[in-house]
Amino acid sequence: MNALLRESLALWIALVFAAAAAGKLMAWSELPGVVRNFRVLPRWLVLPVSLALPPLEAAIAAGVVVEAARPAAAMAAAVLLAVFGAALAINLHRGRREIDCGCLRSDLKQPITIAL
């Protein structure tokens, strides 16, 4: 792959994950409610997952820009996106479209859609 393209993609992925982490941090007190509202986790896991998401997203953002850490960060990003995609799919299948996705917005108010 062309080095410029590779670095551009890494930077884009870093920006996506950094923005996701920042959005969650700006609405930190609302995040457990958003995670709980997906209704895919047992209640006892909601707070630990809520606490782990922003640092994990920030670590992924940092990791993809450091070439030595890129493979691990890319794997973590793929796993996190797959889990998020599964949670979205479960809720779409349930007909639950009017819940906050909790992504890329400081107010965490973005309903889920098939395009998301």
PDB file of N, CA and C in Angstrom:
ATOM      1  N   MET A   1       0.846  -1.171   0.000  1.00  0.00           N
ATOM      2  CA  MET A   1       0.000   0.000   0.000  1.00  0.00           C
ATOM      3  C   MET A   1       0.896   1.240   0.000  1.00  0.00           C
ATOM      4  N   ASN A   2       0.477   2.214  -0.707  1.00  0.00           N
ATOM      5  CA  ASN A   2       1.188   3.485  -0.778  1.00  0.00           C
ATOM      6  C   ASN A   2       1.340   4.070   0.635  1.00  0.00           C
ATOM      7  N   ALA A   3       2.539   4.547   0.972  1.00  0.00           N
ATOM      8  CA  ALA A   3       2.810   5.071   2.320  1.00  0.00           C
ATOM      9  C   ALA A   3       1.918   6.261   2.658  1.00  0.00           C
ATOM     10  N   LEU A   4       1.680   7.142   1.703  1.00  0.00           N
ATOM     11  CA  LEU A   4       0.824   8.295   1.959  1.00  0.00           C
ATOM     12  C   LEU A   4      -0.613   7.863   2.260  1.00  0.00           C
ATOM     13  N   LEU A   5      -1.111   6.911   1.489  1.00  0.00           N
ATOM     14  CA  LEU A   5      -2.460   6.397   1.724  1.00  0.00           C
ATOM     15  C   LEU A   5      -2.542   5.721   3.089  1.00  0.00           C
ATOM     16  N   ARG A   6      -1.552   4.902   3.421  1.00  0.00           N
ATOM     17  CA  ARG A   6      -1.515   4.194   4.710  1.00  0.00           C
ATOM     18  C   ARG A   6      -1.534   5.192   5.870  1.00  0.00           C
ATOM     19  N   GLU A   7      -0.703   6.209   5.791  1.00  0.00           N
ATOM     20  CA  GLU A   7      -0.643   7.196   6.870  1.00  0.00           C
ATOM     21  C   GLU A   7      -1.919   8.037   6.930  1.00  0.00           C
ATOM     22  N   SER A   8      -2.494   8.342   5.780  1.00  0.00           N
ATOM     23  CA  SER A   8      -3.750   9.099   5.745  1.00  0.00           C
ATOM     24  C   SER A   8      -4.882   8.304   6.388  1.00  0.00           C
ATOM     25  N   LEU A   9      -4.963   7.021   6.073  1.00  0.00           N
ATOM     26  CA  LEU A   9      -5.991   6.166   6.680  1.00  0.00           C
ATOM     27  C   LEU A   9      -5.787   6.041   8.185  1.00  0.00           C
ATOM     28  N   ALA A  10      -4.544   5.904   8.605  1.00  0.00           N
ATOM     29  CA  ALA A  10      -4.251   5.815  10.038  1.00  0.00           C
ATOM     30  C   ALA A  10      -4.690   7.097  10.746  1.00  0.00           C
ATOM     31  N   LEU A  11      -4.407   8.236  10.139  1.00  0.00           N
ATOM     32  CA  LEU A  11      -4.796   9.507  10.733  1.00  0.00           C
ATOM     33  C   LEU A  11      -6.314   9.649  10.787  1.00  0.00           C
ATOM     34  N   TRP A  12      -7.000   9.238   9.743  1.00  0.00           N
ATOM     35  CA  TRP A  12      -8.459   9.303   9.712  1.00  0.00           C
ATOM     36  C   TRP A  12      -9.054   8.437  10.818  1.00  0.00           C
ATOM     37  N   ILE A  13      -8.562   7.209  10.963  1.00  0.00           N
ATOM     38  CA  ILE A  13      -9.050   6.314  12.018  1.00  0.00           C
ATOM     39  C   ILE A  13      -8.760   6.912  13.388  1.00  0.00           C
ATOM     40  N   ALA A  14      -7.577   7.492  13.547  1.00  0.00           N
ATOM     41  CA  ALA A  14      -7.233   8.134  14.819  1.00  0.00           C
ATOM     42  C   ALA A  14      -8.205   9.267  15.138  1.00  0.00           C
ATOM     43  N   LEU A  15      -8.534  10.071  14.145  1.00  0.00           N
ATOM     44  CA  LEU A  15      -9.464  11.181  14.361  1.00  0.00           C
ATOM     45  C   LEU A  15     -10.862  10.687  14.726  1.00  0.00           C
ATOM     46  N   VAL A  16     -11.323   9.620  14.085  1.00  0.00           N
ATOM     47  CA  VAL A  16     -12.640   9.059  14.396  1.00  0.00           C
ATOM     48  C   VAL A  16     -12.687   8.597  15.847  1.00  0.00           C
ATOM     49  N   PHE A  17     -11.680   7.843  16.272  1.00  0.00           N
ATOM     50  CA  PHE A  17     -11.677   7.323  17.634  1.00  0.00           C
ATOM     51  C   PHE A  17     -11.422   8.420  18.665  1.00  0.00           C
ATOM     52  N   ALA A  18     -10.596   9.408  18.331  1.00  0.00           N
ATOM     53  CA  ALA A  18     -10.366  10.528  19.248  1.00  0.00           C
ATOM     54  C   ALA A  18     -11.650  11.339  19.427  1.00  0.00           C
ATOM     55  N   ALA A  19     -12.366  11.574  18.340  1.00  0.00           N
ATOM     56  CA  ALA A  19     -13.631  12.310  18.420  1.00  0.00           C
ATOM     57  C   ALA A  19     -14.661  11.528  19.228  1.00  0.00           C
ATOM     58  N   ALA A  20     -14.694  10.223  19.053  1.00  0.00           N
ATOM     59  CA  ALA A  20     -15.628   9.389  19.818  1.00  0.00           C
ATOM     60  C   ALA A  20     -15.311   9.462  21.308  1.00  0.00           C
ATOM     61  N   ALA A  21     -14.034   9.377  21.651  1.00  0.00           N
ATOM     62  CA  ALA A  21     -13.627   9.465  23.061  1.00  0.00           C
ATOM     63  C   ALA A  21     -13.966  10.840  23.627  1.00  0.00           C
ATOM     64  N   ALA A  22     -13.662  11.887  22.879  1.00  0.00           N
ATOM     65  CA  ALA A  22     -13.931  13.250  23.348  1.00  0.00           C
ATOM     66  C   ALA A  22     -15.423  13.487  23.550  1.00  0.00           C
ATOM     67  N   GLY A  23     -16.226  13.013  22.636  1.00  0.00           N
ATOM     68  CA  GLY A  23     -17.677  13.166  22.765  1.00  0.00           C
ATOM     69  C   GLY A  23     -18.213  12.496  24.012  1.00  0.00           C
ATOM     70  N   LYS A  24     -17.707  11.322  24.299  1.00  0.00           N
ATOM     71  CA  LYS A  24     -18.143  10.610  25.504  1.00  0.00           C
ATOM     72  C   LYS A  24     -17.653  11.315  26.772  1.00  0.00           C
ATOM     73  N   LEU A  25     -16.447  11.821  26.737  1.00  0.00           N
ATOM     74  CA  LEU A  25     -15.918  12.524  27.905  1.00  0.00           C
ATOM     75  C   LEU A  25     -16.680  13.816  28.178  1.00  0.00           C
ATOM     76  N   MET A  26     -17.132  14.482  27.124  1.00  0.00           N
ATOM     77  CA  MET A  26     -17.874  15.735  27.301  1.00  0.00           C
ATOM     78  C   MET A  26     -19.274  15.483  27.868  1.00  0.00           C
ATOM     79  N   ALA A  27     -19.771  14.276  27.743  1.00  0.00           N
ATOM     80  CA  ALA A  27     -21.084  13.926  28.307  1.00  0.00           C
ATOM     81  C   ALA A  27     -20.926  12.725  29.240  1.00  0.00           C
ATOM     82  N   TRP A  28     -19.851  12.768  30.023  1.00  0.00           N
ATOM     83  CA  TRP A  28     -19.456  11.637  30.875  1.00  0.00           C
ATOM     84  C   TRP A  28     -20.599  11.144  31.760  1.00  0.00           C
ATOM     85  N   SER A  29     -21.350  12.046  32.362  1.00  0.00           N
ATOM     86  CA  SER A  29     -22.399  11.635  33.294  1.00  0.00           C
ATOM     87  C   SER A  29     -23.556  10.921  32.594  1.00  0.00           C
ATOM     88  N   GLU A  30     -23.736  11.167  31.309  1.00  0.00           N
ATOM     89  CA  GLU A  30     -24.817  10.532  30.559  1.00  0.00           C
ATOM     90  C   GLU A  30     -24.421   9.172  29.974  1.00  0.00           C
ATOM     91  N   LEU A  31     -23.126   8.908  29.896  1.00  0.00           N
ATOM     92  CA  LEU A  31     -22.649   7.718  29.189  1.00  0.00           C
ATOM     93  C   LEU A  31     -23.190   6.407  29.754  1.00  0.00           C
ATOM     94  N   PRO A  32     -23.209   6.187  31.077  1.00  0.00           N
ATOM     95  CA  PRO A  32     -23.775   4.920  31.558  1.00  0.00           C
ATOM     96  C   PRO A  32     -25.225   4.716  31.129  1.00  0.00           C
ATOM     97  N   GLY A  33     -26.004   5.786  31.079  1.00  0.00           N
ATOM     98  CA  GLY A  33     -27.389   5.672  30.628  1.00  0.00           C
ATOM     99  C   GLY A  33     -27.477   5.281  29.163  1.00  0.00           C
ATOM    100  N   VAL A  34     -26.580   5.829  28.362  1.00  0.00           N
ATOM    101  CA  VAL A  34     -26.553   5.483  26.934  1.00  0.00           C
ATOM    102  C   VAL A  34     -26.190   4.009  26.768  1.00  0.00           C
ATOM    103  N   VAL A  35     -25.160   3.570  27.475  1.00  0.00           N
ATOM    104  CA  VAL A  35     -24.740   2.161  27.388  1.00  0.00           C
ATOM    105  C   VAL A  35     -25.864   1.252  27.883  1.00  0.00           C
ATOM    106  N   ARG A  36     -26.484   1.596  29.007  1.00  0.00           N
ATOM    107  CA  ARG A  36     -27.576   0.784  29.569  1.00  0.00           C
ATOM    108  C   ARG A  36     -28.744   0.704  28.587  1.00  0.00           C
ATOM    109  N   ASN A  37     -29.025   1.825  27.896  1.00  0.00           N
ATOM    110  CA  ASN A  37     -30.171   1.885  26.997  1.00  0.00           C
ATOM    111  C   ASN A  37     -30.034   0.968  25.773  1.00  0.00           C
ATOM    112  N   PHE A  38     -28.827   0.518  25.474  1.00  0.00           N
ATOM    113  CA  PHE A  38     -28.670  -0.456  24.385  1.00  0.00           C
ATOM    114  C   PHE A  38     -29.279  -1.804  24.762  1.00  0.00           C
ATOM    115  N   ARG A  39     -29.377  -2.073  26.061  1.00  0.00           N
ATOM    116  CA  ARG A  39     -30.002  -3.293  26.594  1.00  0.00           C
ATOM    117  C   ARG A  39     -29.362  -4.578  26.063  1.00  0.00           C
ATOM    118  N   VAL A  40     -28.031  -4.573  26.003  1.00  0.00           N
ATOM    119  CA  VAL A  40     -27.326  -5.786  25.583  1.00  0.00           C
ATOM    120  C   VAL A  40     -26.374  -6.300  26.659  1.00  0.00           C
ATOM    121  N   LEU A  41     -26.175  -5.521  27.718  1.00  0.00           N
ATOM    122  CA  LEU A  41     -25.268  -5.907  28.791  1.00  0.00           C
ATOM    123  C   LEU A  41     -26.044  -6.130  30.079  1.00  0.00           C
ATOM    124  N   PRO A  42     -25.561  -7.041  30.922  1.00  0.00           N
ATOM    125  CA  PRO A  42     -26.156  -7.125  32.258  1.00  0.00           C
ATOM    126  C   PRO A  42     -25.868  -5.821  33.014  1.00  0.00           C
ATOM    127  N   ARG A  43     -26.748  -5.455  33.922  1.00  0.00           N
ATOM    128  CA  ARG A  43     -26.608  -4.175  34.642  1.00  0.00           C
ATOM    129  C   ARG A  43     -25.242  -4.014  35.302  1.00  0.00           C
ATOM    130  N   TRP A  44     -24.686  -5.090  35.834  1.00  0.00           N
ATOM    131  CA  TRP A  44     -23.419  -4.985  36.561  1.00  0.00           C
ATOM    132  C   TRP A  44     -22.252  -4.647  35.642  1.00  0.00           C
ATOM    133  N   LEU A  45     -22.408  -4.808  34.324  1.00  0.00           N
ATOM    134  CA  LEU A  45     -21.341  -4.478  33.380  1.00  0.00           C
ATOM    135  C   LEU A  45     -21.449  -3.074  32.792  1.00  0.00           C
ATOM    136  N   VAL A  46     -22.584  -2.426  32.975  1.00  0.00           N
ATOM    137  CA  VAL A  46     -22.805  -1.124  32.344  1.00  0.00           C
ATOM    138  C   VAL A  46     -21.773  -0.088  32.796  1.00  0.00           C
ATOM    139  N   LEU A  47     -21.572   0.065  34.089  1.00  0.00           N
ATOM    140  CA  LEU A  47     -20.625   1.077  34.565  1.00  0.00           C
ATOM    141  C   LEU A  47     -19.184   0.755  34.171  1.00  0.00           C
ATOM    142  N   PRO A  48     -18.703  -0.490  34.352  1.00  0.00           N
ATOM    143  CA  PRO A  48     -17.327  -0.768  33.915  1.00  0.00           C
ATOM    144  C   PRO A  48     -17.112  -0.534  32.417  1.00  0.00           C
ATOM    145  N   VAL A  49     -18.069  -0.911  31.600  1.00  0.00           N
ATOM    146  CA  VAL A  49     -17.945  -0.689  30.155  1.00  0.00           C
ATOM    147  C   VAL A  49     -17.955   0.810  29.857  1.00  0.00           C
ATOM    148  N   SER A  50     -18.835   1.552  30.528  1.00  0.00           N
ATOM    149  CA  SER A  50     -18.898   3.005  30.333  1.00  0.00           C
ATOM    150  C   SER A  50     -17.581   3.669  30.716  1.00  0.00           C
ATOM    151  N   LEU A  51     -16.979   3.214  31.796  1.00  0.00           N
ATOM    152  CA  LEU A  51     -15.706   3.782  32.238  1.00  0.00           C
ATOM    153  C   LEU A  51     -14.564   3.403  31.304  1.00  0.00           C
ATOM    154  N   ALA A  52     -14.655   2.243  30.677  1.00  0.00           N
ATOM    155  CA  ALA A  52     -13.571   1.752  29.821  1.00  0.00           C
ATOM    156  C   ALA A  52     -13.609   2.327  28.402  1.00  0.00           C
ATOM    157  N   LEU A  53     -14.780   2.676  27.912  1.00  0.00           N
ATOM    158  CA  LEU A  53     -14.899   3.097  26.509  1.00  0.00           C
ATOM    159  C   LEU A  53     -14.050   4.310  26.130  1.00  0.00           C
ATOM    160  N   PRO A  54     -14.159   5.449  26.807  1.00  0.00           N
ATOM    161  CA  PRO A  54     -13.354   6.604  26.368  1.00  0.00           C
ATOM    162  C   PRO A  54     -11.838   6.352  26.410  1.00  0.00           C
ATOM    163  N   PRO A  55     -11.289   5.756  27.491  1.00  0.00           N
ATOM    164  CA  PRO A  55      -9.841   5.498  27.460  1.00  0.00           C
ATOM    165  C   PRO A  55      -9.444   4.501  26.370  1.00  0.00           C
ATOM    166  N   LEU A  56     -10.301   3.515  26.120  1.00  0.00           N
ATOM    167  CA  LEU A  56     -10.006   2.546  25.066  1.00  0.00           C
ATOM    168  C   LEU A  56     -10.001   3.227  23.703  1.00  0.00           C
ATOM    169  N   GLU A  57     -10.995   4.064  23.447  1.00  0.00           N
ATOM    170  CA  GLU A  57     -11.042   4.778  22.172  1.00  0.00           C
ATOM    171  C   GLU A  57      -9.849   5.720  22.026  1.00  0.00           C
ATOM    172  N   ALA A  58      -9.463   6.384  23.104  1.00  0.00           N
ATOM    173  CA  ALA A  58      -8.292   7.276  23.057  1.00  0.00           C
ATOM    174  C   ALA A  58      -7.013   6.475  22.809  1.00  0.00           C
ATOM    175  N   ALA A  59      -6.904   5.309  23.436  1.00  0.00           N
ATOM    176  CA  ALA A  59      -5.718   4.466  23.232  1.00  0.00           C
ATOM    177  C   ALA A  59      -5.644   3.970  21.792  1.00  0.00           C
ATOM    178  N   ILE A  60      -6.781   3.616  21.222  1.00  0.00           N
ATOM    179  CA  ILE A  60      -6.816   3.203  19.817  1.00  0.00           C
ATOM    180  C   ILE A  60      -6.376   4.364  18.933  1.00  0.00           C
ATOM    181  N   ALA A  61      -6.910   5.565  19.209  1.00  0.00           N
ATOM    182  CA  ALA A  61      -6.537   6.746  18.423  1.00  0.00           C
ATOM    183  C   ALA A  61      -5.031   6.972  18.468  1.00  0.00           C
ATOM    184  N   ALA A  62      -4.453   6.872  19.644  1.00  0.00           N
ATOM    185  CA  ALA A  62      -3.004   7.064  19.780  1.00  0.00           C
ATOM    186  C   ALA A  62      -2.235   5.925  19.123  1.00  0.00           C
ATOM    187  N   GLY A  63      -2.734   4.717  19.286  1.00  0.00           N
ATOM    188  CA  GLY A  63      -2.027   3.540  18.765  1.00  0.00           C
ATOM    189  C   GLY A  63      -1.941   3.475  17.260  1.00  0.00           C
ATOM    190  N   VAL A  64      -2.961   3.929  16.568  1.00  0.00           N
ATOM    191  CA  VAL A  64      -2.920   3.812  15.108  1.00  0.00           C
ATOM    192  C   VAL A  64      -1.964   4.807  14.457  1.00  0.00           C
ATOM    193  N   VAL A  65      -1.582   5.844  15.183  1.00  0.00           N
ATOM    194  CA  VAL A  65      -0.624   6.786  14.595  1.00  0.00           C
ATOM    195  C   VAL A  65       0.829   6.401  14.891  1.00  0.00           C
ATOM    196  N   VAL A  66       1.034   5.463  15.805  1.00  0.00           N
ATOM    197  CA  VAL A  66       2.380   4.969  16.113  1.00  0.00           C
ATOM    198  C   VAL A  66       2.562   3.656  15.363  1.00  0.00           C
ATOM    199  N   GLU A  67       3.451   3.658  14.395  1.00  0.00           N
ATOM    200  CA  GLU A  67       3.573   2.504  13.503  1.00  0.00           C
ATOM    201  C   GLU A  67       3.807   1.190  14.245  1.00  0.00           C
ATOM    202  N   ALA A  68       4.608   1.205  15.293  1.00  0.00           N
ATOM    203  CA  ALA A  68       4.890  -0.026  16.034  1.00  0.00           C
ATOM    204  C   ALA A  68       3.646  -0.563  16.747  1.00  0.00           C
ATOM    205  N   ALA A  69       2.745   0.324  17.158  1.00  0.00           N
ATOM    206  CA  ALA A  69       1.532  -0.082  17.869  1.00  0.00           C
ATOM    207  C   ALA A  69       0.348  -0.300  16.938  1.00  0.00           C
ATOM    208  N   ARG A  70       0.517   0.036  15.679  1.00  0.00           N
ATOM    209  CA  ARG A  70      -0.604   0.027  14.736  1.00  0.00           C
ATOM    210  C   ARG A  70      -1.310  -1.326  14.606  1.00  0.00           C
ATOM    211  N   PRO A  71      -0.594  -2.451  14.499  1.00  0.00           N
ATOM    212  CA  PRO A  71      -1.324  -3.726  14.374  1.00  0.00           C
ATOM    213  C   PRO A  71      -2.239  -4.014  15.565  1.00  0.00           C
ATOM    214  N   ALA A  72      -1.746  -3.796  16.777  1.00  0.00           N
ATOM    215  CA  ALA A  72      -2.566  -4.041  17.968  1.00  0.00           C
ATOM    216  C   ALA A  72      -3.726  -3.052  18.034  1.00  0.00           C
ATOM    217  N   ALA A  73      -3.461  -1.796  17.720  1.00  0.00           N
ATOM    218  CA  ALA A  73      -4.520  -0.778  17.745  1.00  0.00           C
ATOM    219  C   ALA A  73      -5.572  -1.071  16.678  1.00  0.00           C
ATOM    220  N   ALA A  74      -5.134  -1.509  15.520  1.00  0.00           N
ATOM    221  CA  ALA A  74      -6.076  -1.845  14.449  1.00  0.00           C
ATOM    222  C   ALA A  74      -6.959  -3.029  14.847  1.00  0.00           C
ATOM    223  N   MET A  75      -6.371  -4.020  15.508  1.00  0.00           N
ATOM    224  CA  MET A  75      -7.156  -5.169  15.971  1.00  0.00           C
ATOM    225  C   MET A  75      -8.161  -4.729  17.031  1.00  0.00           C
ATOM    226  N   ALA A  76      -7.726  -3.881  17.961  1.00  0.00           N
ATOM    227  CA  ALA A  76      -8.637  -3.377  18.989  1.00  0.00           C
ATOM    228  C   ALA A  76      -9.766  -2.562  18.363  1.00  0.00           C
ATOM    229  N   ALA A  77      -9.433  -1.756  17.367  1.00  0.00           N
ATOM    230  CA  ALA A  77     -10.451  -0.966  16.674  1.00  0.00           C
ATOM    231  C   ALA A  77     -11.456  -1.879  15.979  1.00  0.00           C
ATOM    232  N   ALA A  78     -10.966  -2.913  15.323  1.00  0.00           N
ATOM    233  CA  ALA A  78     -11.860  -3.835  14.618  1.00  0.00           C
ATOM    234  C   ALA A  78     -12.793  -4.542  15.594  1.00  0.00           C
ATOM    235  N   VAL A  79     -12.259  -4.976  16.718  1.00  0.00           N
ATOM    236  CA  VAL A  79     -13.087  -5.662  17.726  1.00  0.00           C
ATOM    237  C   VAL A  79     -14.130  -4.702  18.291  1.00  0.00           C
ATOM    238  N   LEU A  80     -13.701  -3.489  18.650  1.00  0.00           N
ATOM    239  CA  LEU A  80     -14.635  -2.517  19.220  1.00  0.00           C
ATOM    240  C   LEU A  80     -15.729  -2.154  18.215  1.00  0.00           C
ATOM    241  N   LEU A  81     -15.364  -1.962  16.958  1.00  0.00           N
ATOM    242  CA  LEU A  81     -16.369  -1.652  15.935  1.00  0.00           C
ATOM    243  C   LEU A  81     -17.313  -2.831  15.700  1.00  0.00           C
ATOM    244  N   ALA A  82     -16.796  -4.055  15.769  1.00  0.00           N
ATOM    245  CA  ALA A  82     -17.654  -5.236  15.603  1.00  0.00           C
ATOM    246  C   ALA A  82     -18.648  -5.354  16.751  1.00  0.00           C
ATOM    247  N   VAL A  83     -18.197  -5.099  17.969  1.00  0.00           N
ATOM    248  CA  VAL A  83     -19.090  -5.155  19.134  1.00  0.00           C
ATOM    249  C   VAL A  83     -20.156  -4.066  19.022  1.00  0.00           C
ATOM    250  N   PHE A  84     -19.740  -2.864  18.658  1.00  0.00           N
ATOM    251  CA  PHE A  84     -20.689  -1.764  18.485  1.00  0.00           C
ATOM    252  C   PHE A  84     -21.688  -2.093  17.370  1.00  0.00           C
ATOM    253  N   GLY A  85     -21.191  -2.635  16.269  1.00  0.00           N
ATOM    254  CA  GLY A  85     -22.067  -3.026  15.166  1.00  0.00           C
ATOM    255  C   GLY A  85     -23.074  -4.086  15.578  1.00  0.00           C
ATOM    256  N   ALA A  86     -22.631  -5.027  16.391  1.00  0.00           N
ATOM    257  CA  ALA A  86     -23.541  -6.075  16.884  1.00  0.00           C
ATOM    258  C   ALA A  86     -24.617  -5.469  17.785  1.00  0.00           C
ATOM    259  N   ALA A  87     -24.222  -4.544  18.655  1.00  0.00           N
ATOM    260  CA  ALA A  87     -25.199  -3.895  19.534  1.00  0.00           C
ATOM    261  C   ALA A  87     -26.218  -3.097  18.713  1.00  0.00           C
ATOM    262  N   LEU A  88     -25.744  -2.409  17.679  1.00  0.00           N
ATOM    263  CA  LEU A  88     -26.664  -1.690  16.796  1.00  0.00           C
ATOM    264  C   LEU A  88     -27.604  -2.651  16.088  1.00  0.00           C
ATOM    265  N   ALA A  89     -27.054  -3.731  15.547  1.00  0.00           N
ATOM    266  CA  ALA A  89     -27.873  -4.708  14.817  1.00  0.00           C
ATOM    267  C   ALA A  89     -28.934  -5.336  15.721  1.00  0.00           C
ATOM    268  N   ILE A  90     -28.561  -5.649  16.942  1.00  0.00           N
ATOM    269  CA  ILE A  90     -29.524  -6.231  17.881  1.00  0.00           C
ATOM    270  C   ILE A  90     -30.678  -5.259  18.108  1.00  0.00           C
ATOM    271  N   ASN A  91     -30.349  -3.991  18.319  1.00  0.00           N
ATOM    272  CA  ASN A  91     -31.408  -3.007  18.572  1.00  0.00           C
ATOM    273  C   ASN A  91     -32.240  -2.718  17.333  1.00  0.00           C
ATOM    274  N   LEU A  92     -31.622  -2.675  16.176  1.00  0.00           N
ATOM    275  CA  LEU A  92     -32.397  -2.496  14.947  1.00  0.00           C
ATOM    276  C   LEU A  92     -33.331  -3.680  14.730  1.00  0.00           C
ATOM    277  N   HIS A  93     -32.846  -4.877  15.001  1.00  0.00           N
ATOM    278  CA  HIS A  93     -33.678  -6.082  14.872  1.00  0.00           C
ATOM    279  C   HIS A  93     -34.860  -6.035  15.852  1.00  0.00           C
ATOM    280  N   ARG A  94     -34.630  -5.489  17.017  1.00  0.00           N
ATOM    281  CA  ARG A  94     -35.685  -5.349  18.021  1.00  0.00           C
ATOM    282  C   ARG A  94     -36.646  -4.216  17.679  1.00  0.00           C
ATOM    283  N   GLY A  95     -36.324  -3.413  16.657  1.00  0.00           N
ATOM    284  CA  GLY A  95     -37.160  -2.279  16.291  1.00  0.00           C
ATOM    285  C   GLY A  95     -36.895  -1.048  17.138  1.00  0.00           C
ATOM    286  N   ARG A  96     -35.782  -1.030  17.850  1.00  0.00           N
ATOM    287  CA  ARG A  96     -35.417   0.071  18.748  1.00  0.00           C
ATOM    288  C   ARG A  96     -34.507   1.046  18.002  1.00  0.00           C
ATOM    289  N   ARG A  97     -35.078   1.970  17.265  1.00  0.00           N
ATOM    290  CA  ARG A  97     -34.290   2.919  16.480  1.00  0.00           C
ATOM    291  C   ARG A  97     -34.151   4.279  17.166  1.00  0.00           C
ATOM    292  N   GLU A  98     -34.985   4.569  18.097  1.00  0.00           N
ATOM    293  CA  GLU A  98     -34.980   5.883  18.747  1.00  0.00           C
ATOM    294  C   GLU A  98     -34.195   5.861  20.057  1.00  0.00           C
ATOM    295  N   ILE A  99     -33.018   5.264  20.027  1.00  0.00           N
ATOM    296  CA  ILE A  99     -32.125   5.311  21.176  1.00  0.00           C
ATOM    297  C   ILE A  99     -30.868   6.068  20.761  1.00  0.00           C
ATOM    298  N   ASP A 100     -30.193   6.651  21.715  1.00  0.00           N
ATOM    299  CA  ASP A 100     -28.962   7.385  21.408  1.00  0.00           C
ATOM    300  C   ASP A 100     -27.840   6.404  21.119  1.00  0.00           C
ATOM    301  N   CYS A 101     -27.127   6.624  20.025  1.00  0.00           N
ATOM    302  CA  CYS A 101     -26.008   5.749  19.703  1.00  0.00           C
ATOM    303  C   CYS A 101     -24.788   6.063  20.560  1.00  0.00           C
ATOM    304  N   GLY A 102     -24.680   7.300  21.037  1.00  0.00           N
ATOM    305  CA  GLY A 102     -23.551   7.677  21.877  1.00  0.00           C
ATOM    306  C   GLY A 102     -22.261   7.898  21.118  1.00  0.00           C
ATOM    307  N   CYS A 103     -22.361   8.260  19.848  1.00  0.00           N
ATOM    308  CA  CYS A 103     -21.139   8.369  19.047  1.00  0.00           C
ATOM    309  C   CYS A 103     -20.974   9.743  18.398  1.00  0.00           C
ATOM    310  N   LEU A 104     -19.756  10.224  18.437  1.00  0.00           N
ATOM    311  CA  LEU A 104     -19.309  11.396  17.690  1.00  0.00           C
ATOM    312  C   LEU A 104     -20.077  12.687  17.941  1.00  0.00           C
ATOM    313  N   ARG A 105     -20.813  12.781  19.000  1.00  0.00           N
ATOM    314  CA  ARG A 105     -21.538  14.011  19.289  1.00  0.00           C
ATOM    315  C   ARG A 105     -21.465  14.259  20.781  1.00  0.00           C
ATOM    316  N   SER A 106     -21.234  15.477  21.154  1.00  0.00           N
ATOM    317  CA  SER A 106     -21.076  15.786  22.565  1.00  0.00           C
ATOM    318  C   SER A 106     -22.373  15.624  23.351  1.00  0.00           C
ATOM    319  N   ASP A 107     -23.509  15.737  22.681  1.00  0.00           N
ATOM    320  CA  ASP A 107     -24.764  15.606  23.413  1.00  0.00           C
ATOM    321  C   ASP A 107     -25.299  14.171  23.394  1.00  0.00           C
ATOM    322  N   LEU A 108     -24.642  13.274  22.708  1.00  0.00           N
ATOM    323  CA  LEU A 108     -25.004  11.857  22.631  1.00  0.00           C
ATOM    324  C   LEU A 108     -26.433  11.638  22.137  1.00  0.00           C
ATOM    325  N   LYS A 109     -26.952  12.523  21.342  1.00  0.00           N
ATOM    326  CA  LYS A 109     -28.325  12.413  20.859  1.00  0.00           C
ATOM    327  C   LYS A 109     -28.363  12.133  19.366  1.00  0.00           C
ATOM    328  N   GLN A 110     -28.102  10.915  18.976  1.00  0.00           N
ATOM    329  CA  GLN A 110     -28.144  10.542  17.568  1.00  0.00           C
ATOM    330  C   GLN A 110     -28.828   9.181  17.483  1.00  0.00           C
ATOM    331  N   PRO A 111     -30.063   9.126  16.965  1.00  0.00           N
ATOM    332  CA  PRO A 111     -30.768   7.844  16.871  1.00  0.00           C
ATOM    333  C   PRO A 111     -30.009   6.881  15.946  1.00  0.00           C
ATOM    334  N   ILE A 112     -30.216   5.601  16.169  1.00  0.00           N
ATOM    335  CA  ILE A 112     -29.528   4.617  15.346  1.00  0.00           C
ATOM    336  C   ILE A 112     -30.299   4.368  14.052  1.00  0.00           C
ATOM    337  N   THR A 113     -29.554   4.115  13.000  1.00  0.00           N
ATOM    338  CA  THR A 113     -30.140   3.794  11.693  1.00  0.00           C
ATOM    339  C   THR A 113     -29.318   2.683  11.075  1.00  0.00           C
ATOM    340  N   ILE A 114     -29.830   2.093  10.034  1.00  0.00           N
ATOM    341  CA  ILE A 114     -29.103   1.042   9.317  1.00  0.00           C
ATOM    342  C   ILE A 114     -27.803   1.602   8.714  1.00  0.00           C
ATOM    343  N   ALA A 115     -27.815   2.875   8.327  1.00  0.00           N
ATOM    344  CA  ALA A 115     -26.613   3.489   7.739  1.00  0.00           C
ATOM    345  C   ALA A 115     -25.487   3.633   8.760  1.00  0.00           C
ATOM    346  N   LEU A 116     -25.859   3.809  10.015  1.00  0.00           N
ATOM    347  CA  LEU A 116     -24.853   3.950  11.059  1.00  0.00           C
ATOM    348  C   LEU A 116     -24.076   2.669  11.221  1.00  0.00           C
TER     349      LEU A 116
END
